[in-house]
Amino acid sequence: MANTFKLKTKAGVTTLATVYTVPSSTTAIVLGCIIGNTTANSVNCTVTVSSDTSDTETNADVEVLTTTPIPGNSSLELLSGNKIVLQTTDLFKVFGSGAVDVCLSIMEIT
């Protein structure tokens, strides 16, 4: 099994946007996530993990972060010291009530 570290980014998120989809035959570990507010005003941010696997224990959409304010021109580090395991076809999504940039560090196991 190969381990590949990757960086996924998405700029100017203002609607619910998929930042990362786990490829087929892959398990992914989310190692970190930084969300930057690129506006001068406070914005609210929601992070959702969507799972559509056949495993009934994990087949749900969950909000990892719910309507959390990020002050203007600042950033929020999500998962500080924690990790999220994602399975094939799982999605990592972000919503910003104003423009936010997302930086997602992952490790793919193939």
C-alpha atoms as a PDB file:
ATOM      1  CA  MET A   1       0.000   0.000   0.000  1.00  0.00           C
ATOM      2  CA  ALA A   2       1.315   3.423  -0.966  1.00  0.00           C
ATOM      3  CA  ASN A   3       0.918   6.516   1.197  1.00  0.00           C
ATOM      4  CA  THR A   4       0.787   9.827  -0.671  1.00  0.00           C
ATOM      5  CA  PHE A   5       0.607  13.202   1.061  1.00  0.00           C
ATOM      6  CA  LYS A   6      -1.487  15.783  -0.779  1.00  0.00           C
ATOM      7  CA  LEU A   7      -2.671  19.360  -0.442  1.00  0.00           C
ATOM      8  CA  LYS A   8      -6.143  20.300  -1.686  1.00  0.00           C
ATOM      9  CA  THR A   9      -7.168  23.954  -1.878  1.00  0.00           C
ATOM     10  CA  LYS A  10     -10.274  25.893  -2.814  1.00  0.00           C
ATOM     11  CA  ALA A  11     -10.426  29.694  -2.960  1.00  0.00           C
ATOM     12  CA  GLY A  12     -13.349  32.092  -2.561  1.00  0.00           C
ATOM     13  CA  VAL A  13     -15.880  29.600  -1.172  1.00  0.00           C
ATOM     14  CA  THR A  14     -19.279  31.281  -0.635  1.00  0.00           C
ATOM     15  CA  THR A  15     -21.622  28.314  -1.091  1.00  0.00           C
ATOM     16  CA  LEU A  16     -21.416  24.686   0.035  1.00  0.00           C
ATOM     17  CA  ALA A  17     -18.459  23.440  -2.005  1.00  0.00           C
ATOM     18  CA  THR A  18     -16.738  20.083  -2.223  1.00  0.00           C
ATOM     19  CA  VAL A  19     -13.055  20.547  -1.441  1.00  0.00           C
ATOM     20  CA  TYR A  20     -12.118  16.870  -1.716  1.00  0.00           C
ATOM     21  CA  THR A  21     -13.632  13.579  -2.895  1.00  0.00           C
ATOM     22  CA  VAL A  22     -11.874  10.337  -1.969  1.00  0.00           C
ATOM     23  CA  PRO A  23     -10.925   8.445  -5.162  1.00  0.00           C
ATOM     24  CA  SER A  24     -11.889   4.816  -5.762  1.00  0.00           C
ATOM     25  CA  SER A  25      -9.847   2.124  -3.993  1.00  0.00           C
ATOM     26  CA  THR A  26      -8.497   4.749  -1.596  1.00  0.00           C
ATOM     27  CA  THR A  27      -8.686   5.584   2.083  1.00  0.00           C
ATOM     28  CA  ALA A  28      -7.781   9.149   3.032  1.00  0.00           C
ATOM     29  CA  ILE A  29      -6.691  10.650   6.329  1.00  0.00           C
ATOM     30  CA  VAL A  30      -7.453  14.350   6.825  1.00  0.00           C
ATOM     31  CA  LEU A  31      -4.412  15.617   8.698  1.00  0.00           C
ATOM     32  CA  GLY A  32      -5.351  19.282   8.933  1.00  0.00           C
ATOM     33  CA  CYS A  33      -7.580  22.016   7.620  1.00  0.00           C
ATOM     34  CA  ILE A  34      -7.123  25.779   7.661  1.00  0.00           C
ATOM     35  CA  ILE A  35      -9.976  28.068   6.650  1.00  0.00           C
ATOM     36  CA  GLY A  36      -9.077  31.670   5.929  1.00  0.00           C
ATOM     37  CA  ASN A  37     -11.559  34.542   5.913  1.00  0.00           C
ATOM     38  CA  THR A  38     -10.518  36.748   2.998  1.00  0.00           C
ATOM     39  CA  THR A  39     -12.989  39.521   3.829  1.00  0.00           C
ATOM     40  CA  ALA A  40     -12.772  42.395   6.312  1.00  0.00           C
ATOM     41  CA  ASN A  41     -15.985  41.281   8.039  1.00  0.00           C
ATOM     42  CA  SER A  42     -16.700  38.239  10.192  1.00  0.00           C
ATOM     43  CA  VAL A  43     -18.096  35.235   8.291  1.00  0.00           C
ATOM     44  CA  ASN A  44     -19.679  31.987   9.421  1.00  0.00           C
ATOM     45  CA  CYS A  45     -18.263  28.681   8.277  1.00  0.00           C
ATOM     46  CA  THR A  46     -19.614  25.130   8.242  1.00  0.00           C
ATOM     47  CA  VAL A  47     -17.579  22.009   7.442  1.00  0.00           C
ATOM     48  CA  THR A  48     -19.431  18.843   6.437  1.00  0.00           C
ATOM     49  CA  VAL A  49     -18.223  15.294   5.888  1.00  0.00           C
ATOM     50  CA  SER A  50     -20.554  13.381   3.547  1.00  0.00           C
ATOM     51  CA  SER A  51     -20.413   9.614   3.384  1.00  0.00           C
ATOM     52  CA  ASP A  52     -22.331   7.493   0.911  1.00  0.00           C
ATOM     53  CA  THR A  53     -20.589   4.183   1.530  1.00  0.00           C
ATOM     54  CA  SER A  54     -22.571   0.970   1.868  1.00  0.00           C
ATOM     55  CA  ASP A  55     -21.448   0.690   5.494  1.00  0.00           C
ATOM     56  CA  THR A  56     -24.547   1.767   7.454  1.00  0.00           C
ATOM     57  CA  GLU A  57     -22.525   3.001  10.450  1.00  0.00           C
ATOM     58  CA  THR A  58     -20.806   5.642   8.309  1.00  0.00           C
ATOM     59  CA  ASN A  59     -23.451   6.430   5.725  1.00  0.00           C
ATOM     60  CA  ALA A  60     -24.415   9.932   6.875  1.00  0.00           C
ATOM     61  CA  ASP A  61     -23.660  13.630   6.480  1.00  0.00           C
ATOM     62  CA  VAL A  62     -22.166  15.159   9.621  1.00  0.00           C
ATOM     63  CA  GLU A  63     -21.137  18.713  10.419  1.00  0.00           C
ATOM     64  CA  VAL A  64     -17.650  18.822  11.878  1.00  0.00           C
ATOM     65  CA  LEU A  65     -17.966  22.589  12.298  1.00  0.00           C
ATOM     66  CA  THR A  66     -21.350  24.307  12.443  1.00  0.00           C
ATOM     67  CA  THR A  67     -21.904  28.003  11.673  1.00  0.00           C
ATOM     68  CA  THR A  68     -18.667  28.993  13.405  1.00  0.00           C
ATOM     69  CA  PRO A  69     -17.631  32.666  13.153  1.00  0.00           C
ATOM     70  CA  ILE A  70     -14.233  33.536  11.708  1.00  0.00           C
ATOM     71  CA  PRO A  71     -13.208  37.175  12.291  1.00  0.00           C
ATOM     72  CA  GLY A  72     -12.307  39.348   9.303  1.00  0.00           C
ATOM     73  CA  ASN A  73      -8.884  38.801   7.719  1.00  0.00           C
ATOM     74  CA  SER A  74      -8.068  35.853   9.974  1.00  0.00           C
ATOM     75  CA  SER A  75      -8.062  32.074   9.847  1.00  0.00           C
ATOM     76  CA  LEU A  76      -9.303  29.058  11.777  1.00  0.00           C
ATOM     77  CA  GLU A  77      -7.375  25.819  12.191  1.00  0.00           C
ATOM     78  CA  LEU A  78      -9.672  22.818  12.231  1.00  0.00           C
ATOM     79  CA  LEU A  79      -8.579  19.418  13.575  1.00  0.00           C
ATOM     80  CA  SER A  80      -5.615  20.655  15.574  1.00  0.00           C
ATOM     81  CA  GLY A  81      -3.970  17.364  16.583  1.00  0.00           C
ATOM     82  CA  ASN A  82      -6.949  15.260  15.426  1.00  0.00           C
ATOM     83  CA  LYS A  83      -7.612  13.353  12.224  1.00  0.00           C
ATOM     84  CA  ILE A  84     -10.599  12.226  10.150  1.00  0.00           C
ATOM     85  CA  VAL A  85     -10.583   8.965   8.189  1.00  0.00           C
ATOM     86  CA  LEU A  86     -12.477   9.071   4.888  1.00  0.00           C
ATOM     87  CA  GLN A  87     -13.447   6.120   2.706  1.00  0.00           C
ATOM     88  CA  THR A  88     -13.865   5.837  -1.061  1.00  0.00           C
ATOM     89  CA  THR A  89     -16.368   8.435  -2.428  1.00  0.00           C
ATOM     90  CA  ASP A  90     -16.614  10.329   0.896  1.00  0.00           C
ATOM     91  CA  LEU A  91     -16.692  14.121   0.512  1.00  0.00           C
ATOM     92  CA  PHE A  92     -15.169  16.965   2.544  1.00  0.00           C
ATOM     93  CA  LYS A  93     -17.274  20.104   2.050  1.00  0.00           C
ATOM     94  CA  VAL A  94     -17.010  23.707   3.236  1.00  0.00           C
ATOM     95  CA  PHE A  95     -19.521  26.560   3.329  1.00  0.00           C
ATOM     96  CA  GLY A  96     -18.709  30.213   3.975  1.00  0.00           C
ATOM     97  CA  SER A  97     -21.238  32.993   4.464  1.00  0.00           C
ATOM     98  CA  GLY A  98     -18.574  35.213   2.888  1.00  0.00           C
ATOM     99  CA  ALA A  99     -15.478  34.365   0.856  1.00  0.00           C
ATOM    100  CA  VAL A 100     -13.234  31.824   2.584  1.00  0.00           C
ATOM    101  CA  ASP A 101     -10.155  29.993   1.345  1.00  0.00           C
ATOM    102  CA  VAL A 102      -9.628  26.357   2.321  1.00  0.00           C
ATOM    103  CA  CYS A 103      -6.357  24.467   2.691  1.00  0.00           C
ATOM    104  CA  LEU A 104      -6.756  20.723   3.317  1.00  0.00           C
ATOM    105  CA  SER A 105      -3.803  18.432   4.104  1.00  0.00           C
ATOM    106  CA  ILE A 106      -4.460  14.749   3.482  1.00  0.00           C
ATOM    107  CA  MET A 107      -2.732  11.416   3.162  1.00  0.00           C
ATOM    108  CA  GLU A 108      -4.118   8.968   0.622  1.00  0.00           C
ATOM    109  CA  ILE A 109      -3.618   5.243   1.179  1.00  0.00           C
ATOM    110  CA  THR A 110      -3.933   3.212  -2.025  1.00  0.00           C
END
